[in-house]
Amino acid sequence: QVQLVESGGGLVQAGGSLRLSCAASGSIFNVMGWYRQAPGKQRELVAGITRGGSTNYADSVKGRFTISRDNAKNTVYLQMNSLKPEDTAVYYCNVNSLIGSRAYWGQGTQVTVSS
């Protein structure tokens, strides 16, 4: 049974930083990533990372956010620097299990950036 536990969201002023964590268990995971959904908008990819360490980012976060992972801990991180009010959203962890080739979502964590 796959379980995801997210942590690290919160309220921060513009220009500040936050670090999100998502600890996964119950399988071996290939791609792990973060999505976000702002009120009234569609959920969008923020960043993804493969088991081998290849990364991709949304253009809006390139140079400010860094995704990383610890395969031994099945944990993916999102370091968010130079945060902007437009980064305000619920951030969701997403992982792809190598067993059964299924994708799983975390419960979401709120990130609020004040101006």
PDB file of N, CA and C in Angstrom:
ATOM      1  N   GLN A   1       0.851  -1.193   0.000  1.00  0.00           N
ATOM      2  CA  GLN A   1       0.000   0.000   0.000  1.00  0.00           C
ATOM      3  C   GLN A   1       0.888   1.245   0.000  1.00  0.00           C
ATOM      4  N   VAL A   2       0.705   2.066  -1.021  1.00  0.00           N
ATOM      5  CA  VAL A   2       1.511   3.276  -1.145  1.00  0.00           C
ATOM      6  C   VAL A   2       0.942   4.372  -0.256  1.00  0.00           C
ATOM      7  N   GLN A   3       1.828   5.002   0.479  1.00  0.00           N
ATOM      8  CA  GLN A   3       1.437   6.147   1.303  1.00  0.00           C
ATOM      9  C   GLN A   3       2.389   7.296   1.058  1.00  0.00           C
ATOM     10  N   LEU A   4       1.850   8.505   1.044  1.00  0.00           N
ATOM     11  CA  LEU A   4       2.639   9.715   0.855  1.00  0.00           C
ATOM     12  C   LEU A   4       2.351  10.658   2.014  1.00  0.00           C
ATOM     13  N   VAL A   5       3.410  11.204   2.583  1.00  0.00           N
ATOM     14  CA  VAL A   5       3.267  12.168   3.668  1.00  0.00           C
ATOM     15  C   VAL A   5       4.008  13.437   3.289  1.00  0.00           C
ATOM     16  N   GLU A   6       3.250  14.504   3.111  1.00  0.00           N
ATOM     17  CA  GLU A   6       3.824  15.791   2.729  1.00  0.00           C
ATOM     18  C   GLU A   6       4.003  16.664   3.959  1.00  0.00           C
ATOM     19  N   SER A   7       4.989  17.541   3.883  1.00  0.00           N
ATOM     20  CA  SER A   7       5.190  18.513   4.949  1.00  0.00           C
ATOM     21  C   SER A   7       5.942  19.714   4.398  1.00  0.00           C
ATOM     22  N   GLY A   8       5.892  20.817   5.133  1.00  0.00           N
ATOM     23  CA  GLY A   8       6.727  21.960   4.816  1.00  0.00           C
ATOM     24  C   GLY A   8       6.016  23.187   4.284  1.00  0.00           C
ATOM     25  N   GLY A   9       4.724  23.115   4.054  1.00  0.00           N
ATOM     26  CA  GLY A   9       4.029  24.297   3.574  1.00  0.00           C
ATOM     27  C   GLY A   9       3.888  25.340   4.663  1.00  0.00           C
ATOM     28  N   GLY A  10       3.336  26.493   4.292  1.00  0.00           N
ATOM     29  CA  GLY A  10       3.135  27.539   5.283  1.00  0.00           C
ATOM     30  C   GLY A  10       2.971  28.894   4.654  1.00  0.00           C
ATOM     31  N   LEU A  11       3.066  29.902   5.498  1.00  0.00           N
ATOM     32  CA  LEU A  11       2.922  31.299   5.082  1.00  0.00           C
ATOM     33  C   LEU A  11       4.293  31.959   5.112  1.00  0.00           C
ATOM     34  N   VAL A  12       4.632  32.645   4.034  1.00  0.00           N
ATOM     35  CA  VAL A  12       5.925  33.313   3.945  1.00  0.00           C
ATOM     36  C   VAL A  12       5.767  34.612   3.186  1.00  0.00           C
ATOM     37  N   GLN A  13       6.622  35.565   3.471  1.00  0.00           N
ATOM     38  CA  GLN A  13       6.584  36.827   2.747  1.00  0.00           C
ATOM     39  C   GLN A  13       7.272  36.673   1.391  1.00  0.00           C
ATOM     40  N   ALA A  14       6.899  37.538   0.464  1.00  0.00           N
ATOM     41  CA  ALA A  14       7.530  37.537  -0.853  1.00  0.00           C
ATOM     42  C   ALA A  14       9.042  37.679  -0.700  1.00  0.00           C
ATOM     43  N   GLY A  15       9.760  36.877  -1.480  1.00  0.00           N
ATOM     44  CA  GLY A  15      11.212  36.861  -1.377  1.00  0.00           C
ATOM     45  C   GLY A  15      11.752  35.809  -0.430  1.00  0.00           C
ATOM     46  N   GLY A  16      10.868  35.205   0.331  1.00  0.00           N
ATOM     47  CA  GLY A  16      11.279  34.204   1.301  1.00  0.00           C
ATOM     48  C   GLY A  16      11.424  32.823   0.687  1.00  0.00           C
ATOM     49  N   SER A  17      11.681  31.848   1.559  1.00  0.00           N
ATOM     50  CA  SER A  17      11.927  30.479   1.116  1.00  0.00           C
ATOM     51  C   SER A  17      11.109  29.483   1.933  1.00  0.00           C
ATOM     52  N   LEU A  18      10.806  28.375   1.305  1.00  0.00           N
ATOM     53  CA  LEU A  18      10.184  27.237   1.971  1.00  0.00           C
ATOM     54  C   LEU A  18      10.743  25.960   1.363  1.00  0.00           C
ATOM     55  N   ARG A  19      10.717  24.895   2.138  1.00  0.00           N
ATOM     56  CA  ARG A  19      11.142  23.594   1.636  1.00  0.00           C
ATOM     57  C   ARG A  19      10.030  22.578   1.889  1.00  0.00           C
ATOM     58  N   LEU A  20       9.562  21.978   0.812  1.00  0.00           N
ATOM     59  CA  LEU A  20       8.544  20.939   0.916  1.00  0.00           C
ATOM     60  C   LEU A  20       9.205  19.566   0.891  1.00  0.00           C
ATOM     61  N   SER A  21       8.614  18.640   1.626  1.00  0.00           N
ATOM     62  CA  SER A  21       9.083  17.256   1.630  1.00  0.00           C
ATOM     63  C   SER A  21       7.910  16.318   1.391  1.00  0.00           C
ATOM     64  N   CYS A  22       8.181  15.217   0.734  1.00  0.00           N
ATOM     65  CA  CYS A  22       7.166  14.190   0.507  1.00  0.00           C
ATOM     66  C   CYS A  22       7.833  12.836   0.691  1.00  0.00           C
ATOM     67  N   ALA A  23       7.452  12.153   1.756  1.00  0.00           N
ATOM     68  CA  ALA A  23       7.993  10.835   2.047  1.00  0.00           C
ATOM     69  C   ALA A  23       7.027   9.777   1.544  1.00  0.00           C
ATOM     70  N   ALA A  24       7.502   8.922   0.659  1.00  0.00           N
ATOM     71  CA  ALA A  24       6.669   7.872   0.073  1.00  0.00           C
ATOM     72  C   ALA A  24       7.076   6.510   0.631  1.00  0.00           C
ATOM     73  N   SER A  25       6.129   5.610   0.711  1.00  0.00           N
ATOM     74  CA  SER A  25       6.404   4.252   1.187  1.00  0.00           C
ATOM     75  C   SER A  25       5.496   3.264   0.470  1.00  0.00           C
ATOM     76  N   GLY A  26       5.902   2.014   0.477  1.00  0.00           N
ATOM     77  CA  GLY A  26       5.060   0.966  -0.078  1.00  0.00           C
ATOM     78  C   GLY A  26       5.410   0.525  -1.484  1.00  0.00           C
ATOM     79  N   SER A  27       6.432   1.099  -2.086  1.00  0.00           N
ATOM     80  CA  SER A  27       6.817   0.710  -3.441  1.00  0.00           C
ATOM     81  C   SER A  27       8.193   1.281  -3.758  1.00  0.00           C
ATOM     82  N   ILE A  28       8.604   1.068  -5.000  1.00  0.00           N
ATOM     83  CA  ILE A  28       9.784   1.727  -5.549  1.00  0.00           C
ATOM     84  C   ILE A  28       9.273   2.703  -6.590  1.00  0.00           C
ATOM     85  N   PHE A  29       9.842   3.894  -6.592  1.00  0.00           N
ATOM     86  CA  PHE A  29       9.258   4.958  -7.397  1.00  0.00           C
ATOM     87  C   PHE A  29      10.204   5.439  -8.472  1.00  0.00           C
ATOM     88  N   ASN A  30       9.651   5.645  -9.669  1.00  0.00           N
ATOM     89  CA  ASN A  30      10.430   6.175 -10.767  1.00  0.00           C
ATOM     90  C   ASN A  30      10.397   7.699 -10.697  1.00  0.00           C
ATOM     91  N   VAL A  31       9.502   8.305 -11.425  1.00  0.00           N
ATOM     92  CA  VAL A  31       9.421   9.763 -11.397  1.00  0.00           C
ATOM     93  C   VAL A  31       8.678  10.225 -10.144  1.00  0.00           C
ATOM     94  N   MET A  32       9.236  11.219  -9.498  1.00  0.00           N
ATOM     95  CA  MET A  32       8.587  11.876  -8.367  1.00  0.00           C
ATOM     96  C   MET A  32       8.524  13.358  -8.689  1.00  0.00           C
ATOM     97  N   GLY A  33       7.463  14.011  -8.282  1.00  0.00           N
ATOM     98  CA  GLY A  33       7.356  15.411  -8.635  1.00  0.00           C
ATOM     99  C   GLY A  33       6.381  16.180  -7.788  1.00  0.00           C
ATOM    100  N   TRP A  34       6.305  17.455  -8.119  1.00  0.00           N
ATOM    101  CA  TRP A  34       5.397  18.369  -7.421  1.00  0.00           C
ATOM    102  C   TRP A  34       4.518  19.078  -8.439  1.00  0.00           C
ATOM    103  N   TYR A  35       3.243  19.170  -8.120  1.00  0.00           N
ATOM    104  CA  TYR A  35       2.270  19.942  -8.864  1.00  0.00           C
ATOM    105  C   TYR A  35       1.691  20.993  -7.922  1.00  0.00           C
ATOM    106  N   ARG A  36       1.032  21.978  -8.495  1.00  0.00           N
ATOM    107  CA  ARG A  36       0.345  22.962  -7.665  1.00  0.00           C
ATOM    108  C   ARG A  36      -0.964  23.370  -8.321  1.00  0.00           C
ATOM    109  N   GLN A  37      -1.882  23.801  -7.472  1.00  0.00           N
ATOM    110  CA  GLN A  37      -3.170  24.264  -7.952  1.00  0.00           C
ATOM    111  C   GLN A  37      -3.581  25.499  -7.170  1.00  0.00           C
ATOM    112  N   ALA A  38      -3.703  26.600  -7.888  1.00  0.00           N
ATOM    113  CA  ALA A  38      -4.155  27.849  -7.295  1.00  0.00           C
ATOM    114  C   ALA A  38      -5.673  27.945  -7.435  1.00  0.00           C
ATOM    115  N   PRO A  39      -6.331  28.738  -6.612  1.00  0.00           N
ATOM    116  CA  PRO A  39      -7.786  28.862  -6.697  1.00  0.00           C
ATOM    117  C   PRO A  39      -8.238  29.277  -8.096  1.00  0.00           C
ATOM    118  N   GLY A  40      -9.177  28.536  -8.645  1.00  0.00           N
ATOM    119  CA  GLY A  40      -9.722  28.867  -9.944  1.00  0.00           C
ATOM    120  C   GLY A  40      -8.857  28.477 -11.119  1.00  0.00           C
ATOM    121  N   LYS A  41      -7.747  27.784 -10.846  1.00  0.00           N
ATOM    122  CA  LYS A  41      -6.845  27.400 -11.926  1.00  0.00           C
ATOM    123  C   LYS A  41      -6.672  25.893 -11.970  1.00  0.00           C
ATOM    124  N   GLN A  42      -6.174  25.407 -13.086  1.00  0.00           N
ATOM    125  CA  GLN A  42      -5.920  23.980 -13.225  1.00  0.00           C
ATOM    126  C   GLN A  42      -4.633  23.597 -12.501  1.00  0.00           C
ATOM    127  N   ARG A  43      -4.578  22.351 -12.112  1.00  0.00           N
ATOM    128  CA  ARG A  43      -3.353  21.838 -11.494  1.00  0.00           C
ATOM    129  C   ARG A  43      -2.258  21.810 -12.560  1.00  0.00           C
ATOM    130  N   GLU A  44      -1.055  22.257 -12.162  1.00  0.00           N
ATOM    131  CA  GLU A  44       0.043  22.327 -13.114  1.00  0.00           C
ATOM    132  C   GLU A  44       1.299  21.705 -12.527  1.00  0.00           C
ATOM    133  N   LEU A  45       2.136  21.175 -13.424  1.00  0.00           N
ATOM    134  CA  LEU A  45       3.414  20.615 -13.007  1.00  0.00           C
ATOM    135  C   LEU A  45       4.350  21.736 -12.576  1.00  0.00           C
ATOM    136  N   VAL A  46       4.998  21.550 -11.440  1.00  0.00           N
ATOM    137  CA  VAL A  46       6.013  22.495 -10.974  1.00  0.00           C
ATOM    138  C   VAL A  46       7.397  21.963 -11.312  1.00  0.00           C
ATOM    139  N   ALA A  47       7.653  20.719 -10.913  1.00  0.00           N
ATOM    140  CA  ALA A  47       8.968  20.120 -11.149  1.00  0.00           C
ATOM    141  C   ALA A  47       8.869  18.613 -11.000  1.00  0.00           C
ATOM    142  N   GLY A  48       9.739  17.911 -11.720  1.00  0.00           N
ATOM    143  CA  GLY A  48       9.786  16.459 -11.627  1.00  0.00           C
ATOM    144  C   GLY A  48      11.220  15.988 -11.624  1.00  0.00           C
ATOM    145  N   ILE A  49      11.440  14.797 -11.077  1.00  0.00           N
ATOM    146  CA  ILE A  49      12.790  14.232 -11.027  1.00  0.00           C
ATOM    147  C   ILE A  49      12.693  12.723 -11.175  1.00  0.00           C
ATOM    148  N   THR A  50      13.571  12.170 -12.030  1.00  0.00           N
ATOM    149  CA  THR A  50      13.584  10.729 -12.211  1.00  0.00           C
ATOM    150  C   THR A  50      14.437  10.065 -11.133  1.00  0.00           C
ATOM    151  N   ARG A  51      14.367   8.773 -11.073  1.00  0.00           N
ATOM    152  CA  ARG A  51      15.158   8.031 -10.098  1.00  0.00           C
ATOM    153  C   ARG A  51      16.655   8.252 -10.321  1.00  0.00           C
ATOM    154  N   GLY A  52      17.023   8.497 -11.582  1.00  0.00           N
ATOM    155  CA  GLY A  52      18.414   8.747 -11.914  1.00  0.00           C
ATOM    156  C   GLY A  52      18.847  10.183 -11.702  1.00  0.00           C
ATOM    157  N   GLY A  53      17.909  11.063 -11.367  1.00  0.00           N
ATOM    158  CA  GLY A  53      18.265  12.440 -11.039  1.00  0.00           C
ATOM    159  C   GLY A  53      18.006  13.470 -12.122  1.00  0.00           C
ATOM    160  N   SER A  54      17.451  13.068 -13.254  1.00  0.00           N
ATOM    161  CA  SER A  54      17.107  14.042 -14.289  1.00  0.00           C
ATOM    162  C   SER A  54      15.905  14.860 -13.831  1.00  0.00           C
ATOM    163  N   THR A  55      15.978  16.174 -14.090  1.00  0.00           N
ATOM    164  CA  THR A  55      14.940  17.063 -13.594  1.00  0.00           C
ATOM    165  C   THR A  55      14.308  17.861 -14.724  1.00  0.00           C
ATOM    166  N   ASN A  56      13.094  18.338 -14.471  1.00  0.00           N
ATOM    167  CA  ASN A  56      12.454  19.289 -15.356  1.00  0.00           C
ATOM    168  C   ASN A  56      11.630  20.239 -14.497  1.00  0.00           C
ATOM    169  N   TYR A  57      11.482  21.462 -14.983  1.00  0.00           N
ATOM    170  CA  TYR A  57      10.809  22.519 -14.235  1.00  0.00           C
ATOM    171  C   TYR A  57       9.843  23.291 -15.117  1.00  0.00           C
ATOM    172  N   ALA A  58       8.806  23.805 -14.513  1.00  0.00           N
ATOM    173  CA  ALA A  58       7.960  24.777 -15.194  1.00  0.00           C
ATOM    174  C   ALA A  58       8.782  26.038 -15.412  1.00  0.00           C
ATOM    175  N   ASP A  59       8.539  26.704 -16.522  1.00  0.00           N
ATOM    176  CA  ASP A  59       9.294  27.924 -16.819  1.00  0.00           C
ATOM    177  C   ASP A  59       9.161  28.958 -15.708  1.00  0.00           C
ATOM    178  N   SER A  60       8.009  28.991 -15.077  1.00  0.00           N
ATOM    179  CA  SER A  60       7.735  30.028 -14.078  1.00  0.00           C
ATOM    180  C   SER A  60       8.570  29.867 -12.805  1.00  0.00           C
ATOM    181  N   VAL A  61       9.169  28.699 -12.609  1.00  0.00           N
ATOM    182  CA  VAL A  61       9.927  28.468 -11.375  1.00  0.00           C
ATOM    183  C   VAL A  61      11.411  28.218 -11.626  1.00  0.00           C
ATOM    184  N   LYS A  62      11.802  28.157 -12.880  1.00  0.00           N
ATOM    185  CA  LYS A  62      13.213  27.903 -13.192  1.00  0.00           C
ATOM    186  C   LYS A  62      14.102  28.977 -12.570  1.00  0.00           C
ATOM    187  N   GLY A  63      15.184  28.521 -11.939  1.00  0.00           N
ATOM    188  CA  GLY A  63      16.111  29.441 -11.297  1.00  0.00           C
ATOM    189  C   GLY A  63      15.726  29.805  -9.879  1.00  0.00           C
ATOM    190  N   ARG A  64      14.513  29.456  -9.446  1.00  0.00           N
ATOM    191  CA  ARG A  64      14.065  29.773  -8.086  1.00  0.00           C
ATOM    192  C   ARG A  64      13.801  28.504  -7.267  1.00  0.00           C
ATOM    193  N   PHE A  65      13.300  27.486  -7.907  1.00  0.00           N
ATOM    194  CA  PHE A  65      12.960  26.229  -7.219  1.00  0.00           C
ATOM    195  C   PHE A  65      13.961  25.144  -7.602  1.00  0.00           C
ATOM    196  N   THR A  66      14.230  24.261  -6.652  1.00  0.00           N
ATOM    197  CA  THR A  66      15.101  23.129  -6.906  1.00  0.00           C
ATOM    198  C   THR A  66      14.461  21.863  -6.363  1.00  0.00           C
ATOM    199  N   ILE A  67      14.333  20.863  -7.223  1.00  0.00           N
ATOM    200  CA  ILE A  67      13.788  19.580  -6.799  1.00  0.00           C
ATOM    201  C   ILE A  67      14.939  18.605  -6.584  1.00  0.00           C
ATOM    202  N   SER A  68      14.809  17.781  -5.561  1.00  0.00           N
ATOM    203  CA  SER A  68      15.827  16.767  -5.289  1.00  0.00           C
ATOM    204  C   SER A  68      15.134  15.564  -4.653  1.00  0.00           C
ATOM    205  N   ARG A  69      15.870  14.484  -4.539  1.00  0.00           N
ATOM    206  CA  ARG A  69      15.285  13.286  -3.934  1.00  0.00           C
ATOM    207  C   ARG A  69      16.352  12.455  -3.253  1.00  0.00           C
ATOM    208  N   ASP A  70      15.916  11.690  -2.296  1.00  0.00           N
ATOM    209  CA  ASP A  70      16.763  10.742  -1.590  1.00  0.00           C
ATOM    210  C   ASP A  70      16.151   9.366  -1.841  1.00  0.00           C
ATOM    211  N   ASN A  71      16.754   8.585  -2.722  1.00  0.00           N
ATOM    212  CA  ASN A  71      16.166   7.290  -3.090  1.00  0.00           C
ATOM    213  C   ASN A  71      16.143   6.319  -1.918  1.00  0.00           C
ATOM    214  N   ALA A  72      17.123   6.407  -1.041  1.00  0.00           N
ATOM    215  CA  ALA A  72      17.161   5.509   0.111  1.00  0.00           C
ATOM    216  C   ALA A  72      15.981   5.766   1.049  1.00  0.00           C
ATOM    217  N   LYS A  73      15.530   7.006   1.088  1.00  0.00           N
ATOM    218  CA  LYS A  73      14.410   7.377   1.962  1.00  0.00           C
ATOM    219  C   LYS A  73      13.094   7.497   1.194  1.00  0.00           C
ATOM    220  N   ASN A  74      13.134   7.284  -0.128  1.00  0.00           N
ATOM    221  CA  ASN A  74      11.925   7.455  -0.952  1.00  0.00           C
ATOM    222  C   ASN A  74      11.284   8.816  -0.702  1.00  0.00           C
ATOM    223  N   THR A  75      12.109   9.831  -0.624  1.00  0.00           N
ATOM    224  CA  THR A  75      11.623  11.169  -0.303  1.00  0.00           C
ATOM    225  C   THR A  75      12.039  12.150  -1.387  1.00  0.00           C
ATOM    226  N   VAL A  76      11.099  13.014  -1.750  1.00  0.00           N
ATOM    227  CA  VAL A  76      11.360  14.062  -2.723  1.00  0.00           C
ATOM    228  C   VAL A  76      11.187  15.412  -2.028  1.00  0.00           C
ATOM    229  N   TYR A  77      12.042  16.349  -2.399  1.00  0.00           N
ATOM    230  CA  TYR A  77      12.045  17.672  -1.784  1.00  0.00           C
ATOM    231  C   TYR A  77      11.834  18.739  -2.857  1.00  0.00           C
ATOM    232  N   LEU A  78      11.297  19.863  -2.432  1.00  0.00           N
ATOM    233  CA  LEU A  78      11.201  21.026  -3.302  1.00  0.00           C
ATOM    234  C   LEU A  78      11.657  22.239  -2.506  1.00  0.00           C
ATOM    235  N   GLN A  79      12.830  22.726  -2.848  1.00  0.00           N
ATOM    236  CA  GLN A  79      13.352  23.946  -2.229  1.00  0.00           C
ATOM    237  C   GLN A  79      12.856  25.127  -3.039  1.00  0.00           C
ATOM    238  N   MET A  80      12.122  26.012  -2.397  1.00  0.00           N
ATOM    239  CA  MET A  80      11.520  27.148  -3.084  1.00  0.00           C
ATOM    240  C   MET A  80      12.124  28.433  -2.533  1.00  0.00           C
ATOM    241  N   ASN A  81      12.840  29.144  -3.381  1.00  0.00           N
ATOM    242  CA  ASN A  81      13.462  30.414  -3.017  1.00  0.00           C
ATOM    243  C   ASN A  81      12.836  31.558  -3.802  1.00  0.00           C
ATOM    244  N   SER A  82      13.077  32.758  -3.342  1.00  0.00           N
ATOM    245  CA  SER A  82      12.562  33.958  -4.026  1.00  0.00           C
ATOM    246  C   SER A  82      11.074  33.813  -4.342  1.00  0.00           C
ATOM    247  N   LEU A  83      10.333  33.407  -3.358  1.00  0.00           N
ATOM    248  CA  LEU A  83       8.913  33.148  -3.565  1.00  0.00           C
ATOM    249  C   LEU A  83       8.162  34.420  -3.912  1.00  0.00           C
ATOM    250  N   LYS A  84       7.152  34.260  -4.765  1.00  0.00           N
ATOM    251  CA  LYS A  84       6.325  35.360  -5.226  1.00  0.00           C
ATOM    252  C   LYS A  84       4.865  35.094  -4.839  1.00  0.00           C
ATOM    253  N   PRO A  85       4.058  36.138  -4.741  1.00  0.00           N
ATOM    254  CA  PRO A  85       2.638  35.919  -4.421  1.00  0.00           C
ATOM    255  C   PRO A  85       1.956  34.949  -5.402  1.00  0.00           C
ATOM    256  N   GLU A  86       2.388  34.972  -6.649  1.00  0.00           N
ATOM    257  CA  GLU A  86       1.780  34.078  -7.637  1.00  0.00           C
ATOM    258  C   GLU A  86       2.166  32.610  -7.447  1.00  0.00           C
ATOM    259  N   ASP A  87       3.068  32.334  -6.527  1.00  0.00           N
ATOM    260  CA  ASP A  87       3.386  30.943  -6.180  1.00  0.00           C
ATOM    261  C   ASP A  87       2.379  30.373  -5.178  1.00  0.00           C
ATOM    262  N   THR A  88       1.502  31.210  -4.677  1.00  0.00           N
ATOM    263  CA  THR A  88       0.503  30.755  -3.714  1.00  0.00           C
ATOM    264  C   THR A  88      -0.394  29.697  -4.341  1.00  0.00           C
ATOM    265  N   ALA A  89      -0.472  28.549  -3.688  1.00  0.00           N
ATOM    266  CA  ALA A  89      -1.252  27.423  -4.216  1.00  0.00           C
ATOM    267  C   ALA A  89      -1.194  26.274  -3.217  1.00  0.00           C
ATOM    268  N   VAL A  90      -1.995  25.271  -3.484  1.00  0.00           N
ATOM    269  CA  VAL A  90      -1.834  23.994  -2.794  1.00  0.00           C
ATOM    270  C   VAL A  90      -0.856  23.160  -3.621  1.00  0.00           C
ATOM    271  N   TYR A  91       0.174  22.684  -2.973  1.00  0.00           N
ATOM    272  CA  TYR A  91       1.207  21.906  -3.647  1.00  0.00           C
ATOM    273  C   TYR A  91       0.989  20.424  -3.356  1.00  0.00           C
ATOM    274  N   TYR A  92       1.010  19.635  -4.420  1.00  0.00           N
ATOM    275  CA  TYR A  92       0.755  18.203  -4.325  1.00  0.00           C
ATOM    276  C   TYR A  92       1.977  17.410  -4.776  1.00  0.00           C
ATOM    277  N   CYS A  93       2.324  16.438  -4.001  1.00  0.00           N
ATOM    278  CA  CYS A  93       3.357  15.479  -4.387  1.00  0.00           C
ATOM    279  C   CYS A  93       2.723  14.431  -5.304  1.00  0.00           C
ATOM    280  N   ASN A  94       3.464  14.028  -6.314  1.00  0.00           N
ATOM    281  CA  ASN A  94       3.004  12.991  -7.233  1.00  0.00           C
ATOM    282  C   ASN A  94       4.147  12.018  -7.482  1.00  0.00           C
ATOM    283  N   VAL A  95       3.861  10.723  -7.349  1.00  0.00           N
ATOM    284  CA  VAL A  95       4.903   9.723  -7.567  1.00  0.00           C
ATOM    285  C   VAL A  95       4.379   8.630  -8.483  1.00  0.00           C
ATOM    286  N   ASN A  96       5.276   8.057  -9.237  1.00  0.00           N
ATOM    287  CA  ASN A  96       4.940   6.962 -10.139  1.00  0.00           C
ATOM    288  C   ASN A  96       5.604   5.686  -9.639  1.00  0.00           C
ATOM    289  N   SER A  97       4.761   4.712  -9.295  1.00  0.00           N
ATOM    290  CA  SER A  97       5.265   3.465  -8.751  1.00  0.00           C
ATOM    291  C   SER A  97       5.748   2.543  -9.873  1.00  0.00           C
ATOM    292  N   LEU A  98       6.901   1.935  -9.668  1.00  0.00           N
ATOM    293  CA  LEU A  98       7.394   0.961 -10.629  1.00  0.00           C
ATOM    294  C   LEU A  98       6.607  -0.336 -10.555  1.00  0.00           C
ATOM    295  N   ILE A  99       5.936  -0.567  -9.449  1.00  0.00           N
ATOM    296  CA  ILE A  99       5.114  -1.759  -9.265  1.00  0.00           C
ATOM    297  C   ILE A  99       3.687  -1.410  -9.660  1.00  0.00           C
ATOM    298  N   GLY A 100       3.235  -1.978 -10.766  1.00  0.00           N
ATOM    299  CA  GLY A 100       1.889  -1.692 -11.217  1.00  0.00           C
ATOM    300  C   GLY A 100       1.765  -0.465 -12.094  1.00  0.00           C
ATOM    301  N   SER A 101       2.879   0.298 -12.225  1.00  0.00           N
ATOM    302  CA  SER A 101       2.900   1.499 -13.073  1.00  0.00           C
ATOM    303  C   SER A 101       1.744   2.448 -12.765  1.00  0.00           C
ATOM    304  N   ARG A 102       1.530   2.722 -11.490  1.00  0.00           N
ATOM    305  CA  ARG A 102       0.455   3.627 -11.080  1.00  0.00           C
ATOM    306  C   ARG A 102       1.032   4.920 -10.538  1.00  0.00           C
ATOM    307  N   ALA A 103       0.237   5.970 -10.641  1.00  0.00           N
ATOM    308  CA  ALA A 103       0.603   7.264 -10.070  1.00  0.00           C
ATOM    309  C   ALA A 103      -0.216   7.502  -8.812  1.00  0.00           C
ATOM    310  N   TYR A 104       0.411   8.150  -7.849  1.00  0.00           N
ATOM    311  CA  TYR A 104      -0.245   8.439  -6.575  1.00  0.00           C
ATOM    312  C   TYR A 104      -0.056   9.913  -6.236  1.00  0.00           C
ATOM    313  N   TRP A 105      -1.051  10.464  -5.528  1.00  0.00           N
ATOM    314  CA  TRP A 105      -1.020  11.867  -5.130  1.00  0.00           C
ATOM    315  C   TRP A 105      -0.962  11.987  -3.612  1.00  0.00           C
ATOM    316  N   GLY A 106      -0.220  12.998  -3.164  1.00  0.00           N
ATOM    317  CA  GLY A 106      -0.244  13.347  -1.760  1.00  0.00           C
ATOM    318  C   GLY A 106      -1.499  14.130  -1.429  1.00  0.00           C
ATOM    319  N   GLN A 107      -1.659  14.451  -0.137  1.00  0.00           N
ATOM    320  CA  GLN A 107      -2.872  15.120   0.316  1.00  0.00           C
ATOM    321  C   GLN A 107      -2.845  16.620   0.031  1.00  0.00           C
ATOM    322  N   GLY A 108      -1.698  17.146  -0.302  1.00  0.00           N
ATOM    323  CA  GLY A 108      -1.576  18.570  -0.595  1.00  0.00           C
ATOM    324  C   GLY A 108      -1.145  19.366   0.615  1.00  0.00           C
ATOM    325  N   THR A 109      -0.334  20.384   0.371  1.00  0.00           N
ATOM    326  CA  THR A 109       0.101  21.269   1.435  1.00  0.00           C
ATOM    327  C   THR A 109      -0.003  22.720   0.932  1.00  0.00           C
ATOM    328  N   GLN A 110      -0.554  23.581   1.752  1.00  0.00           N
ATOM    329  CA  GLN A 110      -0.805  24.963   1.350  1.00  0.00           C
ATOM    330  C   GLN A 110       0.467  25.795   1.455  1.00  0.00           C
ATOM    331  N   VAL A 111       0.753  26.522   0.396  1.00  0.00           N
ATOM    332  CA  VAL A 111       1.833  27.514   0.389  1.00  0.00           C
ATOM    333  C   VAL A 111       1.196  28.866   0.089  1.00  0.00           C
ATOM    334  N   THR A 112       1.397  29.800   0.996  1.00  0.00           N
ATOM    335  CA  THR A 112       0.848  31.144   0.828  1.00  0.00           C
ATOM    336  C   THR A 112       1.979  32.151   0.907  1.00  0.00           C
ATOM    337  N   VAL A 113       2.092  32.968  -0.133  1.00  0.00           N
ATOM    338  CA  VAL A 113       3.139  33.991  -0.192  1.00  0.00           C
ATOM    339  C   VAL A 113       2.474  35.350  -0.141  1.00  0.00           C
ATOM    340  N   SER A 114       2.790  36.110   0.883  1.00  0.00           N
ATOM    341  CA  SER A 114       2.186  37.433   1.043  1.00  0.00           C
ATOM    342  C   SER A 114       3.071  38.489   0.407  1.00  0.00           C
ATOM    343  N   SER A 115       2.428  39.529  -0.098  1.00  0.00           N
ATOM    344  CA  SER A 115       3.186  40.615  -0.759  1.00  0.00           C
ATOM    345  C   SER A 115       3.571  41.693   0.216  1.00  0.00           C
TER     346      SER A 115
END
